[in-house]
Every structure is written in structure tokens, then in C-alpha cells.
Amino acid sequence: MDSQSCHYKRGSMIAVIVAVASLLWPASVGAQTGQVPPWRAALASPPSEATIAVGQTALQVQLAVTPDQQSLGLGYRNELAPGTGMLFVFNAPSMQTFWMKGMRFCLDIVWVSSMEVVAAAENACPDPAGTPDADRPIQTSPEPVQYVLEVPAGWLKSHGYGAGTPVNLAAVPATAAA
């Protein structure tokens, strides 16, 4: 066997070893660290759902009630189906702040108090990859609110809704805010 043939076979063998190792490496790292990415971690209690109405429009919403549900929110999802959203339910009205960490699509963040839209952060979009937490924009409610609704970006404008639009939360269980 000549040296060129030997060199070729050794190079092929190294390429095969590198390819196999690269396939196995991510799985072994996750197993060694025991860390699960946030979008794969099971919530202790998955969000329940309710139908609410904004103006004359019904929305099927997931209820983010627990701290874990509220922390994850809609993060790491690829989209919201038409006619759906997420309603964050807090124990009492307070100033609320939201950011777009982990988001993959733009949202309207709607501040709700006294059963009406108070204001909204419309078309809030995800931060560029690699944005340090300290540099992420924060969306803050203009006044204390007990509910925050997230819907796809442009939803409020497309329905002609804004401050003063009534919000019917009668189907949201009273225990959701407990």
C-alpha cells in the first residue's frame, strides 16, 4: 500500500469519527449537565384555558396564573393560532413589566384594568439573537393592572380596538387569580 492511499484511508477514518462524535456530543452534554432548555421543561401545571371577549371579538386564551407559567409565557413558541392569545392573571392590580426574551414572533401586549383596555405595547418584537438581558427593552403598564393579554402583533389595529375597549373576563375562573 502506498503512502498516499494510507493517508486517504486515515483521513476518511478521521472524518467518520468526527461525524459520529458530533452527532453524539449534544446528547451527551445535555445528559451530563441535566439541564433542560426552557421550551422543553414540563410545567408543574399546564395553563388552563378560557374564552374571553375583547370588544365584540371572542378569543380562546391560555391562562398564565402561576409564576412558572407567567415566566415562560409564550416564549419559545413559533406562533399563535388565529383567535388565540395568553392572558396573564395577577392576584391584584400592580405595575406589570414584560420583555420579549425567548419570543420568536411579534405581539401586542395589552394592559387590562377595570374590564377594559387601558393601553397596549403594540408590535413588540423579539430582540436580536445574543441580546444581553440588560439591553432588552422592557414594556411597562401605564398604571397598575391585574390582567395582561398577549395577542399576535397587529391584532388590536386590525380589529379597531384600543384604550377604552371593553374586555369580558366572565369566563376566567375566580380561582385563577387566587
N, C-alpha and C. Protein backbone atom coordinates (compact mmCIF):
# COMPACT_ATOMS: atom_id res chain seq x y z
N MET A 1 0.86 -1.17 0.00
CA MET A 1 0.00 0.00 0.00
C MET A 1 0.91 1.23 0.00
N ASP A 2 0.62 2.20 -0.89
CA ASP A 2 1.48 3.38 -0.95
C ASP A 2 1.04 4.40 0.11
N SER A 3 1.89 5.39 0.34
CA SER A 3 1.62 6.35 1.42
C SER A 3 0.42 7.23 1.12
N GLN A 4 0.15 7.52 -0.15
CA GLN A 4 -1.00 8.34 -0.50
C GLN A 4 -2.30 7.61 -0.17
N SER A 5 -2.37 6.32 -0.46
CA SER A 5 -3.55 5.51 -0.17
C SER A 5 -3.77 5.41 1.34
N CYS A 6 -2.69 5.22 2.07
CA CYS A 6 -2.76 5.13 3.54
C CYS A 6 -3.25 6.45 4.12
N HIS A 7 -2.73 7.56 3.60
CA HIS A 7 -3.13 8.89 4.07
C HIS A 7 -4.62 9.12 3.80
N TYR A 8 -5.10 8.69 2.63
CA TYR A 8 -6.51 8.85 2.26
C TYR A 8 -7.41 8.05 3.21
N LYS A 9 -7.05 6.81 3.49
CA LYS A 9 -7.86 5.97 4.38
C LYS A 9 -7.88 6.54 5.79
N ARG A 10 -6.73 7.03 6.26
CA ARG A 10 -6.68 7.61 7.60
C ARG A 10 -7.54 8.87 7.66
N GLY A 11 -7.49 9.69 6.61
CA GLY A 11 -8.32 10.90 6.56
C GLY A 11 -9.79 10.55 6.55
N SER A 12 -10.18 9.52 5.83
CA SER A 12 -11.58 9.09 5.79
C SER A 12 -12.04 8.60 7.15
N MET A 13 -11.16 7.85 7.82
CA MET A 13 -11.49 7.32 9.14
C MET A 13 -11.67 8.48 10.13
N ILE A 14 -10.82 9.47 10.07
CA ILE A 14 -10.93 10.63 10.97
C ILE A 14 -12.24 11.36 10.69
N ALA A 15 -12.61 11.52 9.43
CA ALA A 15 -13.86 12.20 9.09
C ALA A 15 -15.06 11.44 9.65
N VAL A 16 -15.04 10.12 9.58
CA VAL A 16 -16.13 9.31 10.12
C VAL A 16 -16.20 9.47 11.63
N ILE A 17 -15.07 9.43 12.31
CA ILE A 17 -15.04 9.58 13.77
C ILE A 17 -15.57 10.95 14.18
N VAL A 18 -15.16 11.99 13.48
CA VAL A 18 -15.62 13.35 13.79
C VAL A 18 -17.13 13.45 13.57
N ALA A 19 -17.63 12.88 12.49
CA ALA A 19 -19.07 12.93 12.20
C ALA A 19 -19.87 12.21 13.28
N VAL A 20 -19.46 11.05 13.68
CA VAL A 20 -20.16 10.29 14.71
C VAL A 20 -20.10 11.03 16.04
N ALA A 21 -18.94 11.56 16.38
CA ALA A 21 -18.80 12.30 17.65
C ALA A 21 -19.69 13.53 17.66
N SER A 22 -19.79 14.24 16.53
CA SER A 22 -20.63 15.44 16.50
C SER A 22 -22.10 15.10 16.66
N LEU A 23 -22.51 13.93 16.22
CA LEU A 23 -23.90 13.51 16.41
C LEU A 23 -24.19 13.14 17.86
N LEU A 24 -23.24 12.54 18.52
CA LEU A 24 -23.42 12.10 19.89
C LEU A 24 -23.17 13.18 20.92
N TRP A 25 -22.33 14.14 20.62
CA TRP A 25 -21.91 15.15 21.58
C TRP A 25 -23.05 15.94 22.21
N PRO A 26 -23.99 16.55 21.42
CA PRO A 26 -25.04 17.34 22.08
C PRO A 26 -25.88 16.51 23.05
N ALA A 27 -26.19 15.28 22.70
CA ALA A 27 -26.99 14.44 23.59
C ALA A 27 -26.25 14.13 24.88
N SER A 28 -24.96 13.87 24.75
CA SER A 28 -24.20 13.53 25.96
C SER A 28 -23.99 14.74 26.85
N VAL A 29 -23.85 15.93 26.27
CA VAL A 29 -23.68 17.13 27.09
C VAL A 29 -24.94 17.39 27.90
N GLY A 30 -26.13 17.30 27.25
CA GLY A 30 -27.38 17.50 27.98
C GLY A 30 -27.55 16.49 29.08
N ALA A 31 -27.18 15.25 28.81
CA ALA A 31 -27.32 14.20 29.82
C ALA A 31 -26.37 14.45 30.98
N GLN A 32 -25.17 14.94 30.68
CA GLN A 32 -24.19 15.17 31.74
C GLN A 32 -24.59 16.34 32.62
N THR A 33 -25.11 17.41 32.02
CA THR A 33 -25.44 18.60 32.81
C THR A 33 -26.80 18.49 33.47
N GLY A 34 -27.68 17.64 32.92
CA GLY A 34 -29.02 17.51 33.47
C GLY A 34 -29.89 18.72 33.20
N GLN A 35 -29.43 19.66 32.37
CA GLN A 35 -30.20 20.86 32.08
C GLN A 35 -31.17 20.59 30.93
N VAL A 36 -32.36 21.12 31.08
CA VAL A 36 -33.37 21.02 30.05
C VAL A 36 -33.66 22.43 29.57
N PRO A 37 -33.64 22.67 28.25
CA PRO A 37 -33.96 24.02 27.78
C PRO A 37 -35.36 24.43 28.22
N PRO A 38 -35.61 25.73 28.44
CA PRO A 38 -36.90 26.18 28.97
C PRO A 38 -38.10 25.71 28.15
N TRP A 39 -37.94 25.62 26.84
CA TRP A 39 -39.07 25.25 26.00
C TRP A 39 -39.37 23.76 26.05
N ARG A 40 -38.50 22.98 26.68
CA ARG A 40 -38.75 21.55 26.81
C ARG A 40 -39.14 21.15 28.22
N ALA A 41 -38.94 22.02 29.18
CA ALA A 41 -39.25 21.70 30.57
C ALA A 41 -40.78 21.65 30.74
N ALA A 42 -41.24 20.62 31.37
CA ALA A 42 -42.68 20.48 31.62
C ALA A 42 -43.06 21.40 32.77
N LEU A 43 -44.14 22.13 32.59
CA LEU A 43 -44.65 22.97 33.68
C LEU A 43 -45.33 22.08 34.70
N ALA A 44 -45.20 22.46 35.97
CA ALA A 44 -45.85 21.69 37.03
C ALA A 44 -47.35 21.60 36.78
N SER A 45 -47.92 22.69 36.30
CA SER A 45 -49.34 22.68 35.93
C SER A 45 -49.49 23.42 34.61
N PRO A 46 -49.86 22.70 33.54
CA PRO A 46 -50.04 23.35 32.25
C PRO A 46 -51.14 24.40 32.33
N PRO A 47 -51.04 25.44 31.52
CA PRO A 47 -52.05 26.51 31.58
C PRO A 47 -53.45 25.99 31.25
N SER A 48 -54.43 26.45 32.01
CA SER A 48 -55.82 26.16 31.66
C SER A 48 -56.25 27.18 30.60
N GLU A 49 -57.44 27.01 30.07
CA GLU A 49 -57.92 27.89 29.01
C GLU A 49 -59.27 28.47 29.36
N ALA A 50 -59.58 29.59 28.72
CA ALA A 50 -60.88 30.23 28.88
C ALA A 50 -61.17 31.01 27.60
N THR A 51 -62.44 31.31 27.40
CA THR A 51 -62.83 32.17 26.28
C THR A 51 -63.18 33.53 26.87
N ILE A 52 -62.53 34.56 26.35
CA ILE A 52 -62.82 35.93 26.77
C ILE A 52 -63.29 36.70 25.55
N ALA A 53 -63.70 37.94 25.74
CA ALA A 53 -64.07 38.80 24.62
C ALA A 53 -63.42 40.15 24.78
N VAL A 54 -62.82 40.62 23.70
CA VAL A 54 -62.30 41.98 23.64
C VAL A 54 -63.19 42.68 22.62
N GLY A 55 -63.89 43.74 23.09
CA GLY A 55 -64.90 44.33 22.22
C GLY A 55 -65.92 43.26 21.89
N GLN A 56 -66.17 43.04 20.61
CA GLN A 56 -67.12 42.02 20.16
C GLN A 56 -66.42 40.75 19.69
N THR A 57 -65.12 40.64 19.92
CA THR A 57 -64.34 39.53 19.39
C THR A 57 -63.98 38.53 20.47
N ALA A 58 -64.39 37.27 20.27
CA ALA A 58 -64.05 36.19 21.21
C ALA A 58 -62.62 35.73 20.96
N LEU A 59 -61.93 35.42 22.05
CA LEU A 59 -60.57 34.89 21.99
C LEU A 59 -60.47 33.69 22.90
N GLN A 60 -59.86 32.63 22.43
CA GLN A 60 -59.53 31.47 23.27
C GLN A 60 -58.14 31.75 23.83
N VAL A 61 -58.03 31.85 25.15
CA VAL A 61 -56.74 32.20 25.76
C VAL A 61 -56.27 31.13 26.72
N GLN A 62 -54.97 30.96 26.77
CA GLN A 62 -54.37 30.17 27.84
C GLN A 62 -54.19 31.13 29.01
N LEU A 63 -54.39 30.61 30.21
CA LEU A 63 -54.27 31.43 31.42
C LEU A 63 -52.91 31.20 32.06
N ALA A 64 -52.12 32.26 32.14
CA ALA A 64 -50.82 32.21 32.82
C ALA A 64 -51.06 32.73 34.23
N VAL A 65 -51.13 31.79 35.18
CA VAL A 65 -51.51 32.13 36.55
C VAL A 65 -50.35 31.93 37.52
N THR A 66 -49.63 30.83 37.38
CA THR A 66 -48.54 30.52 38.31
C THR A 66 -47.28 31.28 37.90
N PRO A 67 -46.35 31.47 38.82
CA PRO A 67 -45.10 32.14 38.46
C PRO A 67 -44.36 31.44 37.30
N ASP A 68 -44.35 30.11 37.27
CA ASP A 68 -43.70 29.40 36.17
C ASP A 68 -44.39 29.68 34.84
N GLN A 69 -45.71 29.64 34.83
CA GLN A 69 -46.46 29.91 33.61
C GLN A 69 -46.23 31.34 33.14
N GLN A 70 -46.20 32.28 34.08
CA GLN A 70 -46.01 33.68 33.74
C GLN A 70 -44.59 33.95 33.26
N SER A 71 -43.62 33.28 33.85
CA SER A 71 -42.23 33.47 33.44
C SER A 71 -42.00 32.97 32.02
N LEU A 72 -42.55 31.82 31.68
CA LEU A 72 -42.38 31.26 30.34
C LEU A 72 -43.28 31.97 29.34
N GLY A 73 -44.50 32.29 29.73
CA GLY A 73 -45.43 32.97 28.83
C GLY A 73 -45.54 32.26 27.50
N LEU A 74 -45.42 33.02 26.43
CA LEU A 74 -45.46 32.47 25.07
C LEU A 74 -44.07 32.22 24.52
N GLY A 75 -43.06 32.34 25.38
CA GLY A 75 -41.69 32.15 24.94
C GLY A 75 -41.44 30.79 24.32
N TYR A 76 -40.57 30.78 23.33
CA TYR A 76 -40.09 29.57 22.66
C TYR A 76 -41.15 28.89 21.80
N ARG A 77 -42.26 29.56 21.55
CA ARG A 77 -43.25 29.04 20.61
C ARG A 77 -43.00 29.70 19.26
N ASN A 78 -43.49 29.09 18.21
CA ASN A 78 -43.27 29.64 16.87
C ASN A 78 -44.37 30.59 16.42
N GLU A 79 -45.56 30.49 17.01
CA GLU A 79 -46.66 31.35 16.59
C GLU A 79 -47.84 31.18 17.54
N LEU A 80 -48.82 32.03 17.33
CA LEU A 80 -50.12 31.89 17.97
C LEU A 80 -51.14 31.60 16.88
N ALA A 81 -52.01 30.64 17.10
CA ALA A 81 -53.06 30.35 16.13
C ALA A 81 -54.03 31.53 16.09
N PRO A 82 -54.68 31.76 14.95
CA PRO A 82 -55.67 32.84 14.87
C PRO A 82 -56.75 32.64 15.94
N GLY A 83 -57.19 33.75 16.52
CA GLY A 83 -58.25 33.69 17.52
C GLY A 83 -57.80 33.24 18.89
N THR A 84 -56.47 33.21 19.12
CA THR A 84 -55.96 32.78 20.42
C THR A 84 -55.02 33.83 21.01
N GLY A 85 -54.73 33.65 22.29
CA GLY A 85 -53.80 34.53 22.98
C GLY A 85 -53.44 33.92 24.33
N MET A 86 -52.78 34.71 25.14
CA MET A 86 -52.47 34.31 26.51
C MET A 86 -52.87 35.45 27.43
N LEU A 87 -53.58 35.09 28.49
CA LEU A 87 -54.00 36.07 29.49
C LEU A 87 -53.22 35.82 30.78
N PHE A 88 -52.46 36.81 31.20
CA PHE A 88 -51.71 36.75 32.46
C PHE A 88 -52.63 37.29 33.54
N VAL A 89 -52.84 36.49 34.57
CA VAL A 89 -53.76 36.84 35.64
C VAL A 89 -52.95 37.01 36.92
N PHE A 90 -53.03 38.20 37.51
CA PHE A 90 -52.29 38.50 38.73
C PHE A 90 -53.26 38.63 39.90
N ASN A 91 -52.77 38.44 41.12
CA ASN A 91 -53.61 38.44 42.31
C ASN A 91 -54.30 39.77 42.56
N ALA A 92 -53.64 40.85 42.24
CA ALA A 92 -54.18 42.18 42.47
C ALA A 92 -53.55 43.13 41.46
N PRO A 93 -54.20 44.26 41.21
CA PRO A 93 -53.59 45.23 40.29
C PRO A 93 -52.23 45.70 40.78
N SER A 94 -51.28 45.72 39.88
CA SER A 94 -49.94 46.24 40.17
C SER A 94 -49.28 46.61 38.85
N MET A 95 -48.19 47.36 38.94
CA MET A 95 -47.45 47.71 37.73
C MET A 95 -46.87 46.42 37.16
N GLN A 96 -47.03 46.21 35.88
CA GLN A 96 -46.53 44.99 35.24
C GLN A 96 -45.46 45.35 34.20
N THR A 97 -44.42 44.55 34.16
CA THR A 97 -43.37 44.74 33.16
C THR A 97 -43.17 43.44 32.39
N PHE A 98 -43.00 43.57 31.09
CA PHE A 98 -42.81 42.43 30.21
C PHE A 98 -41.62 42.70 29.30
N TRP A 99 -40.94 41.62 28.91
CA TRP A 99 -39.90 41.73 27.90
C TRP A 99 -40.10 40.60 26.90
N MET A 100 -39.31 40.60 25.84
CA MET A 100 -39.52 39.65 24.75
C MET A 100 -38.48 38.52 24.75
N LYS A 101 -37.86 38.26 25.88
CA LYS A 101 -36.87 37.19 25.95
C LYS A 101 -37.51 35.84 25.60
N GLY A 102 -36.88 35.12 24.69
CA GLY A 102 -37.38 33.81 24.29
C GLY A 102 -38.50 33.85 23.26
N MET A 103 -38.92 35.05 22.86
CA MET A 103 -40.01 35.15 21.89
C MET A 103 -39.49 34.95 20.48
N ARG A 104 -40.33 34.37 19.64
CA ARG A 104 -39.98 34.09 18.24
C ARG A 104 -40.88 34.84 17.27
N PHE A 105 -41.82 35.62 17.79
CA PHE A 105 -42.73 36.38 16.92
C PHE A 105 -43.18 37.63 17.67
N CYS A 106 -43.69 38.60 16.92
CA CYS A 106 -44.11 39.88 17.49
C CYS A 106 -45.51 39.76 18.12
N LEU A 107 -45.76 40.63 19.10
CA LEU A 107 -47.01 40.60 19.87
C LEU A 107 -47.56 42.00 20.07
N ASP A 108 -48.85 42.05 20.35
CA ASP A 108 -49.47 43.20 21.01
C ASP A 108 -49.60 42.79 22.47
N ILE A 109 -49.06 43.60 23.37
CA ILE A 109 -49.17 43.36 24.81
C ILE A 109 -50.22 44.35 25.31
N VAL A 110 -51.32 43.82 25.80
CA VAL A 110 -52.50 44.64 26.12
C VAL A 110 -52.68 44.71 27.64
N TRP A 111 -52.68 45.92 28.18
CA TRP A 111 -52.86 46.13 29.61
C TRP A 111 -54.35 46.27 29.89
N VAL A 112 -54.89 45.45 30.81
CA VAL A 112 -56.33 45.43 31.09
C VAL A 112 -56.57 45.73 32.57
N SER A 113 -57.47 46.71 32.81
CA SER A 113 -57.85 47.07 34.17
C SER A 113 -59.32 47.48 34.14
N SER A 114 -60.04 47.19 35.21
CA SER A 114 -61.46 47.55 35.32
C SER A 114 -62.24 47.08 34.09
N MET A 115 -61.88 45.90 33.59
CA MET A 115 -62.57 45.23 32.48
C MET A 115 -62.56 46.05 31.18
N GLU A 116 -61.46 46.79 30.97
CA GLU A 116 -61.29 47.45 29.68
C GLU A 116 -59.80 47.60 29.35
N VAL A 117 -59.53 47.78 28.07
CA VAL A 117 -58.16 48.01 27.63
C VAL A 117 -57.72 49.37 28.14
N VAL A 118 -56.59 49.39 28.85
CA VAL A 118 -56.03 50.64 29.36
C VAL A 118 -55.07 51.22 28.33
N ALA A 119 -54.23 50.35 27.78
CA ALA A 119 -53.23 50.75 26.78
C ALA A 119 -52.62 49.47 26.23
N ALA A 120 -51.70 49.63 25.30
CA ALA A 120 -51.03 48.45 24.75
C ALA A 120 -49.64 48.81 24.25
N ALA A 121 -48.75 47.84 24.31
CA ALA A 121 -47.46 47.93 23.64
C ALA A 121 -47.67 47.16 22.34
N GLU A 122 -47.99 47.88 21.28
CA GLU A 122 -48.31 47.22 20.02
C GLU A 122 -47.04 46.90 19.24
N ASN A 123 -47.08 45.76 18.56
CA ASN A 123 -45.98 45.32 17.70
C ASN A 123 -44.66 45.20 18.44
N ALA A 124 -44.70 44.67 19.66
CA ALA A 124 -43.46 44.40 20.40
C ALA A 124 -42.82 43.17 19.75
N CYS A 125 -41.57 43.30 19.34
CA CYS A 125 -40.91 42.22 18.58
C CYS A 125 -39.73 41.64 19.35
N PRO A 126 -39.37 40.40 19.02
CA PRO A 126 -38.24 39.75 19.70
C PRO A 126 -36.94 40.53 19.52
N ASP A 127 -36.08 40.40 20.51
CA ASP A 127 -34.76 41.03 20.45
C ASP A 127 -33.87 40.22 19.52
N PRO A 128 -32.87 40.87 18.92
CA PRO A 128 -31.93 40.10 18.10
C PRO A 128 -31.21 39.04 18.94
N ALA A 129 -30.86 37.94 18.30
CA ALA A 129 -30.13 36.87 19.00
C ALA A 129 -28.89 37.44 19.66
N GLY A 130 -28.64 36.96 20.87
CA GLY A 130 -27.44 37.38 21.59
C GLY A 130 -27.61 38.68 22.38
N THR A 131 -28.80 39.27 22.39
CA THR A 131 -29.00 40.50 23.15
C THR A 131 -28.86 40.21 24.64
N PRO A 132 -27.94 40.92 25.32
CA PRO A 132 -27.81 40.72 26.77
C PRO A 132 -29.10 41.15 27.48
N ASP A 133 -29.45 40.46 28.55
CA ASP A 133 -30.67 40.79 29.29
C ASP A 133 -30.73 42.26 29.67
N ALA A 134 -29.61 42.84 30.05
CA ALA A 134 -29.59 44.24 30.48
C ALA A 134 -29.95 45.20 29.35
N ASP A 135 -29.84 44.75 28.10
CA ASP A 135 -30.13 45.61 26.94
C ASP A 135 -31.50 45.36 26.34
N ARG A 136 -32.28 44.46 26.92
CA ARG A 136 -33.60 44.17 26.37
C ARG A 136 -34.59 45.26 26.74
N PRO A 137 -35.39 45.74 25.78
CA PRO A 137 -36.42 46.72 26.12
C PRO A 137 -37.46 46.11 27.06
N ILE A 138 -37.95 46.91 27.96
CA ILE A 138 -38.97 46.50 28.92
C ILE A 138 -40.26 47.25 28.58
N GLN A 139 -41.36 46.52 28.50
CA GLN A 139 -42.68 47.12 28.29
C GLN A 139 -43.35 47.21 29.66
N THR A 140 -43.77 48.40 30.05
CA THR A 140 -44.35 48.62 31.38
C THR A 140 -45.77 49.13 31.26
N SER A 141 -46.66 48.58 32.08
CA SER A 141 -48.05 49.05 32.06
C SER A 141 -48.08 50.51 32.51
N PRO A 142 -49.00 51.30 31.96
CA PRO A 142 -49.06 52.73 32.33
C PRO A 142 -49.66 52.98 33.70
N GLU A 143 -50.30 51.95 34.25
CA GLU A 143 -50.91 52.04 35.57
C GLU A 143 -51.02 50.62 36.12
N PRO A 144 -51.33 50.45 37.39
CA PRO A 144 -51.50 49.10 37.93
C PRO A 144 -52.62 48.35 37.19
N VAL A 145 -52.33 47.11 36.79
CA VAL A 145 -53.32 46.27 36.11
C VAL A 145 -53.29 44.88 36.73
N GLN A 146 -54.42 44.18 36.63
CA GLN A 146 -54.49 42.81 37.13
C GLN A 146 -54.38 41.79 36.00
N TYR A 147 -54.58 42.24 34.76
CA TYR A 147 -54.55 41.34 33.61
C TYR A 147 -53.68 41.92 32.50
N VAL A 148 -52.97 41.03 31.83
CA VAL A 148 -52.21 41.41 30.64
C VAL A 148 -52.52 40.36 29.57
N LEU A 149 -52.93 40.83 28.42
CA LEU A 149 -53.30 39.95 27.31
C LEU A 149 -52.24 40.06 26.22
N GLU A 150 -51.75 38.90 25.76
CA GLU A 150 -50.84 38.87 24.62
C GLU A 150 -51.56 38.25 23.44
N VAL A 151 -51.54 38.98 22.32
CA VAL A 151 -52.15 38.53 21.06
C VAL A 151 -51.15 38.80 19.94
N PRO A 152 -51.36 38.19 18.77
CA PRO A 152 -50.42 38.43 17.66
C PRO A 152 -50.32 39.92 17.33
N ALA A 153 -49.14 40.34 16.94
CA ALA A 153 -48.91 41.75 16.57
C ALA A 153 -49.90 42.19 15.50
N GLY A 154 -50.44 43.37 15.69
CA GLY A 154 -51.38 43.93 14.73
C GLY A 154 -52.83 43.57 15.00
N TRP A 155 -53.06 42.69 15.99
CA TRP A 155 -54.42 42.24 16.28
C TRP A 155 -55.32 43.41 16.71
N LEU A 156 -54.83 44.24 17.62
CA LEU A 156 -55.65 45.37 18.08
C LEU A 156 -56.02 46.28 16.92
N LYS A 157 -55.03 46.66 16.12
CA LYS A 157 -55.27 47.57 15.00
C LYS A 157 -56.22 46.96 13.99
N SER A 158 -56.04 45.66 13.69
CA SER A 158 -56.89 45.03 12.67
C SER A 158 -58.35 44.95 13.12
N HIS A 159 -58.59 44.97 14.43
CA HIS A 159 -59.95 44.93 14.94
C HIS A 159 -60.47 46.32 15.34
N GLY A 160 -59.63 47.33 15.24
CA GLY A 160 -60.03 48.68 15.58
C GLY A 160 -60.18 48.91 17.08
N TYR A 161 -59.43 48.15 17.89
CA TYR A 161 -59.53 48.27 19.34
C TYR A 161 -58.38 49.08 19.91
N GLY A 162 -58.63 49.70 21.05
CA GLY A 162 -57.62 50.49 21.75
C GLY A 162 -58.11 50.79 23.15
N ALA A 163 -57.52 51.81 23.75
CA ALA A 163 -57.89 52.19 25.12
C ALA A 163 -59.39 52.43 25.20
N GLY A 164 -60.00 51.88 26.26
CA GLY A 164 -61.44 52.02 26.48
C GLY A 164 -62.27 50.86 25.92
N THR A 165 -61.67 49.99 25.12
CA THR A 165 -62.41 48.84 24.59
C THR A 165 -62.76 47.91 25.75
N PRO A 166 -64.03 47.50 25.86
CA PRO A 166 -64.40 46.59 26.95
C PRO A 166 -63.77 45.21 26.78
N VAL A 167 -63.47 44.58 27.92
CA VAL A 167 -62.92 43.22 27.94
C VAL A 167 -63.80 42.41 28.89
N ASN A 168 -64.38 41.32 28.36
CA ASN A 168 -65.25 40.46 29.16
C ASN A 168 -64.43 39.25 29.62
N LEU A 169 -64.19 39.21 30.93
CA LEU A 169 -63.42 38.12 31.53
C LEU A 169 -64.30 37.22 32.39
N ALA A 170 -65.60 37.21 32.15
CA ALA A 170 -66.54 36.45 32.97
C ALA A 170 -66.20 34.95 32.99
N ALA A 171 -65.61 34.44 31.91
CA ALA A 171 -65.30 33.00 31.84
C ALA A 171 -63.98 32.65 32.52
N VAL A 172 -63.24 33.64 33.00
CA VAL A 172 -61.98 33.37 33.69
C VAL A 172 -62.32 32.96 35.13
N PRO A 173 -61.94 31.76 35.53
CA PRO A 173 -62.30 31.29 36.88
C PRO A 173 -61.78 32.24 37.96
N ALA A 174 -62.60 32.47 38.96
CA ALA A 174 -62.20 33.34 40.08
C ALA A 174 -60.97 32.80 40.77
N THR A 175 -60.80 31.48 40.77
CA THR A 175 -59.64 30.88 41.42
C THR A 175 -58.36 31.14 40.63
N ALA A 176 -58.48 31.58 39.37
CA ALA A 176 -57.29 31.84 38.57
C ALA A 176 -56.44 32.94 39.20
N ALA A 177 -57.06 33.89 39.85
CA ALA A 177 -56.32 34.99 40.45
C ALA A 177 -55.93 34.73 41.90
N ALA A 178 -56.28 33.58 42.42
CA ALA A 178 -56.01 33.32 43.85
C ALA A 178 -54.56 32.95 44.07
